[in-house]
Amino acid sequence: MPLWNRKSKNAEEPSTTMSEDIQNPPADESSKAGGNSNAEIENLRSEKNALYEKLARAQADFQNSRKRLEADLEARVQYQLSKLIES
Protein backbone atom coordinates (compact mmCIF):
# COMPACT_ATOMS: atom_id res chain seq x y z
CA MET A 1 0.00 0.00 0.00
CA PRO A 2 1.46 3.42 -0.90
CA LEU A 3 2.58 5.61 1.97
CA TRP A 4 0.18 8.43 1.14
CA ASN A 5 -2.78 6.06 1.27
CA ARG A 6 -2.08 4.65 4.73
CA LYS A 7 -4.14 5.72 7.70
CA SER A 8 -2.48 8.10 10.09
CA LYS A 9 -1.46 6.95 13.56
CA ASN A 10 -3.67 9.57 15.15
CA ALA A 11 -7.27 8.36 14.77
CA GLU A 12 -8.62 11.92 14.83
CA GLU A 13 -6.73 12.91 11.67
CA PRO A 14 -8.36 11.68 8.46
CA SER A 15 -6.09 10.02 5.93
CA THR A 16 -6.08 11.41 2.40
CA THR A 17 -4.69 10.20 -0.86
CA MET A 18 -2.15 12.13 -2.86
CA SER A 19 -4.70 12.95 -5.57
CA GLU A 20 -7.05 14.42 -2.95
CA ASP A 21 -4.24 16.62 -1.66
CA ILE A 22 -3.50 17.89 -5.15
CA GLN A 23 -7.12 18.50 -6.06
CA ASN A 24 -8.02 20.13 -2.73
CA PRO A 25 -5.06 22.24 -1.56
CA PRO A 26 -5.38 24.05 1.76
CA ALA A 27 -7.11 27.44 1.47
CA ASP A 28 -4.07 29.47 2.48
CA GLU A 29 -1.90 27.90 -0.25
CA SER A 30 -4.44 28.54 -2.99
CA SER A 31 -4.90 32.17 -1.96
CA LYS A 32 -1.13 32.74 -2.00
CA ALA A 33 -0.81 31.33 -5.52
CA GLY A 34 -3.53 33.57 -6.92
CA GLY A 35 -3.33 33.97 -10.68
CA ASN A 36 0.10 32.39 -10.88
CA SER A 37 -1.27 28.89 -10.35
CA ASN A 38 -2.24 28.42 -14.01
CA ALA A 39 1.11 29.75 -15.20
CA GLU A 40 2.91 27.55 -12.70
CA ILE A 41 0.92 24.51 -13.83
CA GLU A 42 1.80 25.20 -17.46
CA ASN A 43 5.48 25.63 -16.55
CA LEU A 44 5.47 22.35 -14.67
CA ARG A 45 3.75 20.57 -17.54
CA SER A 46 6.26 21.87 -20.07
CA GLU A 47 9.12 20.88 -17.75
CA LYS A 48 7.60 17.42 -17.34
CA ASN A 49 7.30 17.03 -21.12
CA ALA A 50 10.90 18.15 -21.64
CA LEU A 51 12.15 15.70 -19.02
CA TYR A 52 10.07 12.90 -20.54
CA GLU A 53 11.57 13.58 -23.98
CA LYS A 54 15.07 13.62 -22.46
CA LEU A 55 14.36 10.29 -20.75
CA ALA A 56 13.03 8.75 -23.98
CA ARG A 57 16.16 9.85 -25.87
CA ALA A 58 18.45 8.50 -23.16
CA GLN A 59 16.64 5.15 -23.22
CA ALA A 60 16.88 4.99 -27.02
CA ASP A 61 20.61 5.82 -26.89
CA PHE A 62 21.15 3.09 -24.31
CA GLN A 63 19.27 0.51 -26.39
CA ASN A 64 21.21 1.47 -29.52
CA SER A 65 24.52 1.18 -27.67
CA ARG A 66 23.54 -2.21 -26.28
CA LYS A 67 22.56 -3.51 -29.73
CA ARG A 68 25.79 -2.15 -31.24
CA LEU A 69 27.87 -3.88 -28.55
CA GLU A 70 26.01 -7.17 -29.08
CA ALA A 71 26.59 -6.94 -32.86
CA ASP A 72 30.30 -6.20 -32.31
CA LEU A 73 30.61 -9.16 -29.96
CA GLU A 74 28.91 -11.44 -32.48
CA ALA A 75 31.24 -10.20 -35.24
CA ARG A 76 34.30 -10.90 -33.06
CA VAL A 77 33.04 -14.39 -32.25
CA GLN A 78 32.44 -15.15 -35.93
CA TYR A 79 35.90 -13.85 -36.83
CA GLN A 80 37.55 -16.01 -34.17
CA LEU A 81 35.57 -19.05 -35.30
CA SER A 82 36.66 -18.49 -38.91
CA LYS A 83 40.31 -18.30 -37.79
CA LEU A 84 39.84 -21.51 -35.81
CA ILE A 85 38.31 -23.31 -38.81
CA GLU A 86 41.14 -22.16 -41.12
CA SER A 87 43.84 -23.58 -38.86
PDB file of N, CA and C in Angstrom:
ATOM      1  N   MET A   1       0.851  -1.174   0.000  1.00  0.00           N
ATOM      2  CA  MET A   1       0.000   0.000   0.000  1.00  0.00           C
ATOM      3  C   MET A   1       0.895   1.235   0.000  1.00  0.00           C
ATOM      4  N   PRO A   2       0.630   2.224  -0.870  1.00  0.00           N
ATOM      5  CA  PRO A   2       1.459   3.424  -0.903  1.00  0.00           C
ATOM      6  C   PRO A   2       1.403   4.178   0.417  1.00  0.00           C
ATOM      7  N   LEU A   3       2.486   4.893   0.704  1.00  0.00           N
ATOM      8  CA  LEU A   3       2.580   5.612   1.966  1.00  0.00           C
ATOM      9  C   LEU A   3       1.499   6.664   2.109  1.00  0.00           C
ATOM     10  N   TRP A   4       1.153   7.354   1.036  1.00  0.00           N
ATOM     11  CA  TRP A   4       0.177   8.429   1.141  1.00  0.00           C
ATOM     12  C   TRP A   4      -1.242   7.908   1.314  1.00  0.00           C
ATOM     13  N   ASN A   5      -1.448   6.623   1.155  1.00  0.00           N
ATOM     14  CA  ASN A   5      -2.781   6.058   1.270  1.00  0.00           C
ATOM     15  C   ASN A   5      -2.986   5.354   2.612  1.00  0.00           C
ATOM     16  N   ARG A   6      -1.964   5.304   3.431  1.00  0.00           N
ATOM     17  CA  ARG A   6      -2.075   4.646   4.732  1.00  0.00           C
ATOM     18  C   ARG A   6      -2.799   5.557   5.711  1.00  0.00           C
ATOM     19  N   LYS A   7      -3.450   4.946   6.668  1.00  0.00           N
ATOM     20  CA  LYS A   7      -4.138   5.718   7.702  1.00  0.00           C
ATOM     21  C   LYS A   7      -3.114   6.273   8.666  1.00  0.00           C
ATOM     22  N   SER A   8      -3.398   7.465   9.157  1.00  0.00           N
ATOM     23  CA  SER A   8      -2.480   8.096  10.092  1.00  0.00           C
ATOM     24  C   SER A   8      -2.550   7.392  11.444  1.00  0.00           C
ATOM     25  N   LYS A   9      -1.501   7.573  12.241  1.00  0.00           N
ATOM     26  CA  LYS A   9      -1.463   6.951  13.559  1.00  0.00           C
ATOM     27  C   LYS A   9      -2.484   7.582  14.490  1.00  0.00           C
ATOM     28  N   ASN A  10      -2.707   8.862  14.330  1.00  0.00           N
ATOM     29  CA  ASN A  10      -3.673   9.568  15.154  1.00  0.00           C
ATOM     30  C   ASN A  10      -5.058   9.343  14.552  1.00  0.00           C
ATOM     31  N   ALA A  11      -5.952   8.723  15.289  1.00  0.00           N
ATOM     32  CA  ALA A  11      -7.272   8.363  14.765  1.00  0.00           C
ATOM     33  C   ALA A  11      -8.126   9.578  14.465  1.00  0.00           C
ATOM     34  N   GLU A  12      -7.815  10.726  15.062  1.00  0.00           N
ATOM     35  CA  GLU A  12      -8.616  11.921  14.833  1.00  0.00           C
ATOM     36  C   GLU A  12      -8.307  12.558  13.489  1.00  0.00           C
ATOM     37  N   GLU A  13      -7.108  12.334  12.951  1.00  0.00           N
ATOM     38  CA  GLU A  13      -6.735  12.911  11.665  1.00  0.00           C
ATOM     39  C   GLU A  13      -7.195  11.991  10.545  1.00  0.00           C
ATOM     40  N   PRO A  14      -7.946  12.516   9.575  1.00  0.00           N
ATOM     41  CA  PRO A  14      -8.364  11.678   8.458  1.00  0.00           C
ATOM     42  C   PRO A  14      -7.192  11.445   7.510  1.00  0.00           C
ATOM     43  N   SER A  15      -7.132  10.281   6.908  1.00  0.00           N
ATOM     44  CA  SER A  15      -6.089  10.022   5.935  1.00  0.00           C
ATOM     45  C   SER A  15      -6.601  10.441   4.560  1.00  0.00           C
ATOM     46  N   THR A  16      -5.716  10.981   3.751  1.00  0.00           N
ATOM     47  CA  THR A  16      -6.083  11.410   2.404  1.00  0.00           C
ATOM     48  C   THR A  16      -5.127  10.786   1.411  1.00  0.00           C
ATOM     49  N   THR A  17      -5.563  10.699   0.196  1.00  0.00           N
ATOM     50  CA  THR A  17      -4.691  10.201  -0.856  1.00  0.00           C
ATOM     51  C   THR A  17      -3.969  11.374  -1.480  1.00  0.00           C
ATOM     52  N   MET A  18      -2.923  11.081  -2.230  1.00  0.00           N
ATOM     53  CA  MET A  18      -2.149  12.128  -2.859  1.00  0.00           C
ATOM     54  C   MET A  18      -3.007  12.920  -3.843  1.00  0.00           C
ATOM     55  N   SER A  19      -3.875  12.240  -4.594  1.00  0.00           N
ATOM     56  CA  SER A  19      -4.700  12.946  -5.566  1.00  0.00           C
ATOM     57  C   SER A  19      -5.674  13.893  -4.871  1.00  0.00           C
ATOM     58  N   GLU A  20      -6.170  13.527  -3.699  1.00  0.00           N
ATOM     59  CA  GLU A  20      -7.055  14.423  -2.952  1.00  0.00           C
ATOM     60  C   GLU A  20      -6.294  15.659  -2.498  1.00  0.00           C
ATOM     61  N   ASP A  21      -5.042  15.484  -2.088  1.00  0.00           N
ATOM     62  CA  ASP A  21      -4.239  16.617  -1.657  1.00  0.00           C
ATOM     63  C   ASP A  21      -3.983  17.579  -2.810  1.00  0.00           C
ATOM     64  N   ILE A  22      -3.757  17.048  -3.991  1.00  0.00           N
ATOM     65  CA  ILE A  22      -3.499  17.892  -5.155  1.00  0.00           C
ATOM     66  C   ILE A  22      -4.772  18.615  -5.582  1.00  0.00           C
ATOM     67  N   GLN A  23      -5.883  17.905  -5.605  1.00  0.00           N
ATOM     68  CA  GLN A  23      -7.125  18.500  -6.061  1.00  0.00           C
ATOM     69  C   GLN A  23      -7.694  19.484  -5.052  1.00  0.00           C
ATOM     70  N   ASN A  24      -7.460  19.273  -3.775  1.00  0.00           N
ATOM     71  CA  ASN A  24      -8.019  20.127  -2.729  1.00  0.00           C
ATOM     72  C   ASN A  24      -6.907  20.701  -1.859  1.00  0.00           C
ATOM     73  N   PRO A  25      -6.128  21.686  -2.384  1.00  0.00           N
ATOM     74  CA  PRO A  25      -5.059  22.240  -1.564  1.00  0.00           C
ATOM     75  C   PRO A  25      -5.651  23.051  -0.423  1.00  0.00           C
ATOM     76  N   PRO A  26      -4.899  23.229   0.655  1.00  0.00           N
ATOM     77  CA  PRO A  26      -5.385  24.052   1.756  1.00  0.00           C
ATOM     78  C   PRO A  26      -5.689  25.465   1.269  1.00  0.00           C
ATOM     79  N   ALA A  27      -6.637  26.133   1.915  1.00  0.00           N
ATOM     80  CA  ALA A  27      -7.109  27.437   1.469  1.00  0.00           C
ATOM     81  C   ALA A  27      -5.998  28.475   1.453  1.00  0.00           C
ATOM     82  N   ASP A  28      -5.115  28.459   2.438  1.00  0.00           N
ATOM     83  CA  ASP A  28      -4.068  29.470   2.481  1.00  0.00           C
ATOM     84  C   ASP A  28      -3.083  29.330   1.329  1.00  0.00           C
ATOM     85  N   GLU A  29      -2.798  28.099   0.877  1.00  0.00           N
ATOM     86  CA  GLU A  29      -1.901  27.895  -0.251  1.00  0.00           C
ATOM     87  C   GLU A  29      -2.524  28.389  -1.546  1.00  0.00           C
ATOM     88  N   SER A  30      -3.805  28.126  -1.754  1.00  0.00           N
ATOM     89  CA  SER A  30      -4.441  28.539  -2.994  1.00  0.00           C
ATOM     90  C   SER A  30      -4.587  30.053  -3.066  1.00  0.00           C
ATOM     91  N   SER A  31      -4.786  30.715  -1.941  1.00  0.00           N
ATOM     92  CA  SER A  31      -4.905  32.168  -1.965  1.00  0.00           C
ATOM     93  C   SER A  31      -3.551  32.824  -2.205  1.00  0.00           C
ATOM     94  N   LYS A  32      -2.463  32.206  -1.748  1.00  0.00           N
ATOM     95  CA  LYS A  32      -1.127  32.742  -2.000  1.00  0.00           C
ATOM     96  C   LYS A  32      -0.779  32.653  -3.475  1.00  0.00           C
ATOM     97  N   ALA A  33      -1.159  31.544  -4.123  1.00  0.00           N
ATOM     98  CA  ALA A  33      -0.808  31.334  -5.516  1.00  0.00           C
ATOM     99  C   ALA A  33      -1.526  32.329  -6.413  1.00  0.00           C
ATOM    100  N   GLY A  34      -2.775  32.604  -6.137  1.00  0.00           N
ATOM    101  CA  GLY A  34      -3.528  33.573  -6.918  1.00  0.00           C
ATOM    102  C   GLY A  34      -3.577  33.209  -8.385  1.00  0.00           C
ATOM    103  N   GLY A  35      -3.285  34.183  -9.243  1.00  0.00           N
ATOM    104  CA  GLY A  35      -3.328  33.969 -10.685  1.00  0.00           C
ATOM    105  C   GLY A  35      -2.125  33.227 -11.222  1.00  0.00           C
ATOM    106  N   ASN A  36      -1.105  33.058 -10.422  1.00  0.00           N
ATOM    107  CA  ASN A  36       0.101  32.387 -10.879  1.00  0.00           C
ATOM    108  C   ASN A  36      -0.056  30.883 -10.950  1.00  0.00           C
ATOM    109  N   SER A  37      -1.132  30.341 -10.397  1.00  0.00           N
ATOM    110  CA  SER A  37      -1.267  28.895 -10.351  1.00  0.00           C
ATOM    111  C   SER A  37      -1.379  28.301 -11.756  1.00  0.00           C
ATOM    112  N   ASN A  38      -2.125  28.939 -12.646  1.00  0.00           N
ATOM    113  CA  ASN A  38      -2.241  28.418 -14.008  1.00  0.00           C
ATOM    114  C   ASN A  38      -0.913  28.497 -14.740  1.00  0.00           C
ATOM    115  N   ALA A  39      -0.202  29.604 -14.560  1.00  0.00           N
ATOM    116  CA  ALA A  39       1.105  29.747 -15.201  1.00  0.00           C
ATOM    117  C   ALA A  39       2.082  28.724 -14.635  1.00  0.00           C
ATOM    118  N   GLU A  40       2.015  28.516 -13.332  1.00  0.00           N
ATOM    119  CA  GLU A  40       2.914  27.549 -12.703  1.00  0.00           C
ATOM    120  C   GLU A  40       2.602  26.129 -13.190  1.00  0.00           C
ATOM    121  N   ILE A  41       1.324  25.828 -13.334  1.00  0.00           N
ATOM    122  CA  ILE A  41       0.923  24.506 -13.828  1.00  0.00           C
ATOM    123  C   ILE A  41       1.446  24.303 -15.248  1.00  0.00           C
ATOM    124  N   GLU A  42       1.307  25.302 -16.086  1.00  0.00           N
ATOM    125  CA  GLU A  42       1.798  25.198 -17.459  1.00  0.00           C
ATOM    126  C   GLU A  42       3.314  25.035 -17.490  1.00  0.00           C
ATOM    127  N   ASN A  43       4.022  25.772 -16.627  1.00  0.00           N
ATOM    128  CA  ASN A  43       5.484  25.634 -16.549  1.00  0.00           C
ATOM    129  C   ASN A  43       5.872  24.233 -16.121  1.00  0.00           C
ATOM    130  N   LEU A  44       5.165  23.700 -15.141  1.00  0.00           N
ATOM    131  CA  LEU A  44       5.471  22.352 -14.670  1.00  0.00           C
ATOM    132  C   LEU A  44       5.165  21.315 -15.735  1.00  0.00           C
ATOM    133  N   ARG A  45       4.080  21.507 -16.466  1.00  0.00           N
ATOM    134  CA  ARG A  45       3.747  20.566 -17.543  1.00  0.00           C
ATOM    135  C   ARG A  45       4.797  20.595 -18.638  1.00  0.00           C
ATOM    136  N   SER A  46       5.242  21.783 -19.023  1.00  0.00           N
ATOM    137  CA  SER A  46       6.257  21.866 -20.069  1.00  0.00           C
ATOM    138  C   SER A  46       7.574  21.267 -19.584  1.00  0.00           C
ATOM    139  N   GLU A  47       7.913  21.486 -18.301  1.00  0.00           N
ATOM    140  CA  GLU A  47       9.121  20.884 -17.749  1.00  0.00           C
ATOM    141  C   GLU A  47       9.006  19.363 -17.729  1.00  0.00           C
ATOM    142  N   LYS A  48       7.821  18.865 -17.365  1.00  0.00           N
ATOM    143  CA  LYS A  48       7.596  17.416 -17.344  1.00  0.00           C
ATOM    144  C   LYS A  48       7.762  16.838 -18.750  1.00  0.00           C
ATOM    145  N   ASN A  49       7.192  17.510 -19.743  1.00  0.00           N
ATOM    146  CA  ASN A  49       7.305  17.031 -21.117  1.00  0.00           C
ATOM    147  C   ASN A  49       8.747  17.038 -21.600  1.00  0.00           C
ATOM    148  N   ALA A  50       9.487  18.080 -21.246  1.00  0.00           N
ATOM    149  CA  ALA A  50      10.896  18.154 -21.640  1.00  0.00           C
ATOM    150  C   ALA A  50      11.696  17.029 -20.990  1.00  0.00           C
ATOM    151  N   LEU A  51      11.437  16.775 -19.714  1.00  0.00           N
ATOM    152  CA  LEU A  51      12.153  15.697 -19.023  1.00  0.00           C
ATOM    153  C   LEU A  51      11.777  14.328 -19.580  1.00  0.00           C
ATOM    154  N   TYR A  52      10.506  14.166 -19.959  1.00  0.00           N
ATOM    155  CA  TYR A  52      10.073  12.905 -20.544  1.00  0.00           C
ATOM    156  C   TYR A  52      10.770  12.667 -21.881  1.00  0.00           C
ATOM    157  N   GLU A  53      10.880  13.711 -22.698  1.00  0.00           N
ATOM    158  CA  GLU A  53      11.574  13.580 -23.976  1.00  0.00           C
ATOM    159  C   GLU A  53      13.050  13.249 -23.763  1.00  0.00           C
ATOM    160  N   LYS A  54      13.664  13.893 -22.771  1.00  0.00           N
ATOM    161  CA  LYS A  54      15.068  13.619 -22.457  1.00  0.00           C
ATOM    162  C   LYS A  54      15.247  12.165 -22.019  1.00  0.00           C
ATOM    163  N   LEU A  55      14.320  11.676 -21.197  1.00  0.00           N
ATOM    164  CA  LEU A  55      14.365  10.288 -20.746  1.00  0.00           C
ATOM    165  C   LEU A  55      14.218   9.333 -21.929  1.00  0.00           C
ATOM    166  N   ALA A  56      13.259   9.618 -22.817  1.00  0.00           N
ATOM    167  CA  ALA A  56      13.031   8.748 -23.976  1.00  0.00           C
ATOM    168  C   ALA A  56      14.275   8.688 -24.861  1.00  0.00           C
ATOM    169  N   ARG A  57      14.931   9.826 -25.055  1.00  0.00           N
ATOM    170  CA  ARG A  57      16.155   9.845 -25.874  1.00  0.00           C
ATOM    171  C   ARG A  57      17.276   9.074 -25.199  1.00  0.00           C
ATOM    172  N   ALA A  58      17.403   9.219 -23.888  1.00  0.00           N
ATOM    173  CA  ALA A  58      18.450   8.495 -23.162  1.00  0.00           C
ATOM    174  C   ALA A  58      18.214   6.995 -23.231  1.00  0.00           C
ATOM    175  N   GLN A  59      16.958   6.573 -23.115  1.00  0.00           N
ATOM    176  CA  GLN A  59      16.643   5.148 -23.221  1.00  0.00           C
ATOM    177  C   GLN A  59      16.944   4.634 -24.619  1.00  0.00           C
ATOM    178  N   ALA A  60      16.608   5.407 -25.643  1.00  0.00           N
ATOM    179  CA  ALA A  60      16.882   4.991 -27.023  1.00  0.00           C
ATOM    180  C   ALA A  60      18.385   4.898 -27.258  1.00  0.00           C
ATOM    181  N   ASP A  61      19.156   5.869 -26.754  1.00  0.00           N
ATOM    182  CA  ASP A  61      20.613   5.816 -26.895  1.00  0.00           C
ATOM    183  C   ASP A  61      21.187   4.586 -26.211  1.00  0.00           C
ATOM    184  N   PHE A  62      20.669   4.270 -25.032  1.00  0.00           N
ATOM    185  CA  PHE A  62      21.147   3.091 -24.308  1.00  0.00           C
ATOM    186  C   PHE A  62      20.852   1.823 -25.089  1.00  0.00           C
ATOM    187  N   GLN A  63      19.641   1.698 -25.617  1.00  0.00           N
ATOM    188  CA  GLN A  63      19.274   0.506 -26.388  1.00  0.00           C
ATOM    189  C   GLN A  63      20.126   0.384 -27.648  1.00  0.00           C
ATOM    190  N   ASN A  64      20.377   1.505 -28.326  1.00  0.00           N
ATOM    191  CA  ASN A  64      21.215   1.469 -29.523  1.00  0.00           C
ATOM    192  C   ASN A  64      22.636   1.049 -29.185  1.00  0.00           C
ATOM    193  N   SER A  65      23.172   1.555 -28.089  1.00  0.00           N
ATOM    194  CA  SER A  65      24.520   1.175 -27.671  1.00  0.00           C
ATOM    195  C   SER A  65      24.585  -0.312 -27.332  1.00  0.00           C
ATOM    196  N   ARG A  66      23.573  -0.791 -26.642  1.00  0.00           N
ATOM    197  CA  ARG A  66      23.538  -2.211 -26.275  1.00  0.00           C
ATOM    198  C   ARG A  66      23.495  -3.089 -27.524  1.00  0.00           C
ATOM    199  N   LYS A  67      22.653  -2.732 -28.497  1.00  0.00           N
ATOM    200  CA  LYS A  67      22.557  -3.509 -29.729  1.00  0.00           C
ATOM    201  C   LYS A  67      23.865  -3.468 -30.515  1.00  0.00           C
ATOM    202  N   ARG A  68      24.517  -2.281 -30.533  1.00  0.00           N
ATOM    203  CA  ARG A  68      25.786  -2.150 -31.236  1.00  0.00           C
ATOM    204  C   ARG A  68      26.847  -3.025 -30.579  1.00  0.00           C
ATOM    205  N   LEU A  69      26.894  -3.051 -29.251  1.00  0.00           N
ATOM    206  CA  LEU A  69      27.869  -3.884 -28.550  1.00  0.00           C
ATOM    207  C   LEU A  69      27.608  -5.368 -28.797  1.00  0.00           C
ATOM    208  N   GLU A  70      26.336  -5.765 -28.808  1.00  0.00           N
ATOM    209  CA  GLU A  70      26.006  -7.166 -29.082  1.00  0.00           C
ATOM    210  C   GLU A  70      26.419  -7.556 -30.499  1.00  0.00           C
ATOM    211  N   ALA A  71      26.204  -6.661 -31.476  1.00  0.00           N
ATOM    212  CA  ALA A  71      26.594  -6.944 -32.857  1.00  0.00           C
ATOM    213  C   ALA A  71      28.111  -7.030 -32.977  1.00  0.00           C
ATOM    214  N   ASP A  72      28.845  -6.150 -32.295  1.00  0.00           N
ATOM    215  CA  ASP A  72      30.305  -6.201 -32.312  1.00  0.00           C
ATOM    216  C   ASP A  72      30.814  -7.495 -31.697  1.00  0.00           C
ATOM    217  N   LEU A  73      30.210  -7.908 -30.605  1.00  0.00           N
ATOM    218  CA  LEU A  73      30.609  -9.159 -29.963  1.00  0.00           C
ATOM    219  C   LEU A  73      30.370 -10.342 -30.900  1.00  0.00           C
ATOM    220  N   GLU A  74      29.218 -10.357 -31.539  1.00  0.00           N
ATOM    221  CA  GLU A  74      28.909 -11.444 -32.483  1.00  0.00           C
ATOM    222  C   GLU A  74      29.904 -11.456 -33.641  1.00  0.00           C
ATOM    223  N   ALA A  75      30.267 -10.273 -34.141  1.00  0.00           N
ATOM    224  CA  ALA A  75      31.239 -10.198 -35.241  1.00  0.00           C
ATOM    225  C   ALA A  75      32.601 -10.729 -34.791  1.00  0.00           C
ATOM    226  N   ARG A  76      33.018 -10.395 -33.569  1.00  0.00           N
ATOM    227  CA  ARG A  76      34.299 -10.899 -33.060  1.00  0.00           C
ATOM    228  C   ARG A  76      34.274 -12.413 -32.897  1.00  0.00           C
ATOM    229  N   VAL A  77      33.156 -12.933 -32.417  1.00  0.00           N
ATOM    230  CA  VAL A  77      33.038 -14.389 -32.249  1.00  0.00           C
ATOM    231  C   VAL A  77      33.113 -15.076 -33.616  1.00  0.00           C
ATOM    232  N   GLN A  78      32.414 -14.554 -34.596  1.00  0.00           N
ATOM    233  CA  GLN A  78      32.441 -15.150 -35.930  1.00  0.00           C
ATOM    234  C   GLN A  78      33.850 -15.092 -36.528  1.00  0.00           C
ATOM    235  N   TYR A  79      34.540 -13.978 -36.322  1.00  0.00           N
ATOM    236  CA  TYR A  79      35.904 -13.848 -36.830  1.00  0.00           C
ATOM    237  C   TYR A  79      36.821 -14.875 -36.171  1.00  0.00           C
ATOM    238  N   GLN A  80      36.711 -15.036 -34.865  1.00  0.00           N
ATOM    239  CA  GLN A  80      37.553 -16.010 -34.170  1.00  0.00           C
ATOM    240  C   GLN A  80      37.229 -17.434 -34.605  1.00  0.00           C
ATOM    241  N   LEU A  81      35.941 -17.716 -34.824  1.00  0.00           N
ATOM    242  CA  LEU A  81      35.567 -19.046 -35.303  1.00  0.00           C
ATOM    243  C   LEU A  81      36.124 -19.313 -36.697  1.00  0.00           C
ATOM    244  N   SER A  82      36.119 -18.306 -37.556  1.00  0.00           N
ATOM    245  CA  SER A  82      36.661 -18.489 -38.911  1.00  0.00           C
ATOM    246  C   SER A  82      38.151 -18.742 -38.858  1.00  0.00           C
ATOM    247  N   LYS A  83      38.863 -18.052 -37.960  1.00  0.00           N
ATOM    248  CA  LYS A  83      40.311 -18.295 -37.792  1.00  0.00           C
ATOM    249  C   LYS A  83      40.563 -19.690 -37.262  1.00  0.00           C
ATOM    250  N   LEU A  84      39.695 -20.176 -36.374  1.00  0.00           N
ATOM    251  CA  LEU A  84      39.844 -21.508 -35.813  1.00  0.00           C
ATOM    252  C   LEU A  84      39.624 -22.566 -36.887  1.00  0.00           C
ATOM    253  N   ILE A  85      38.633 -22.343 -37.738  1.00  0.00           N
ATOM    254  CA  ILE A  85      38.314 -23.313 -38.806  1.00  0.00           C
ATOM    255  C   ILE A  85      39.451 -23.362 -39.830  1.00  0.00           C
ATOM    256  N   GLU A  86      40.050 -22.213 -40.142  1.00  0.00           N
ATOM    257  CA  GLU A  86      41.140 -22.157 -41.122  1.00  0.00           C
ATOM    258  C   GLU A  86      42.364 -22.914 -40.636  1.00  0.00           C
ATOM    259  N   SER A  87      42.622 -22.947 -39.353  1.00  0.00           N
ATOM    260  CA  SER A  87      43.842 -23.576 -38.863  1.00  0.00           C
ATOM    261  C   SER A  87      43.732 -25.053 -38.702  1.00  0.00           C
TER     262      SER A  87
END
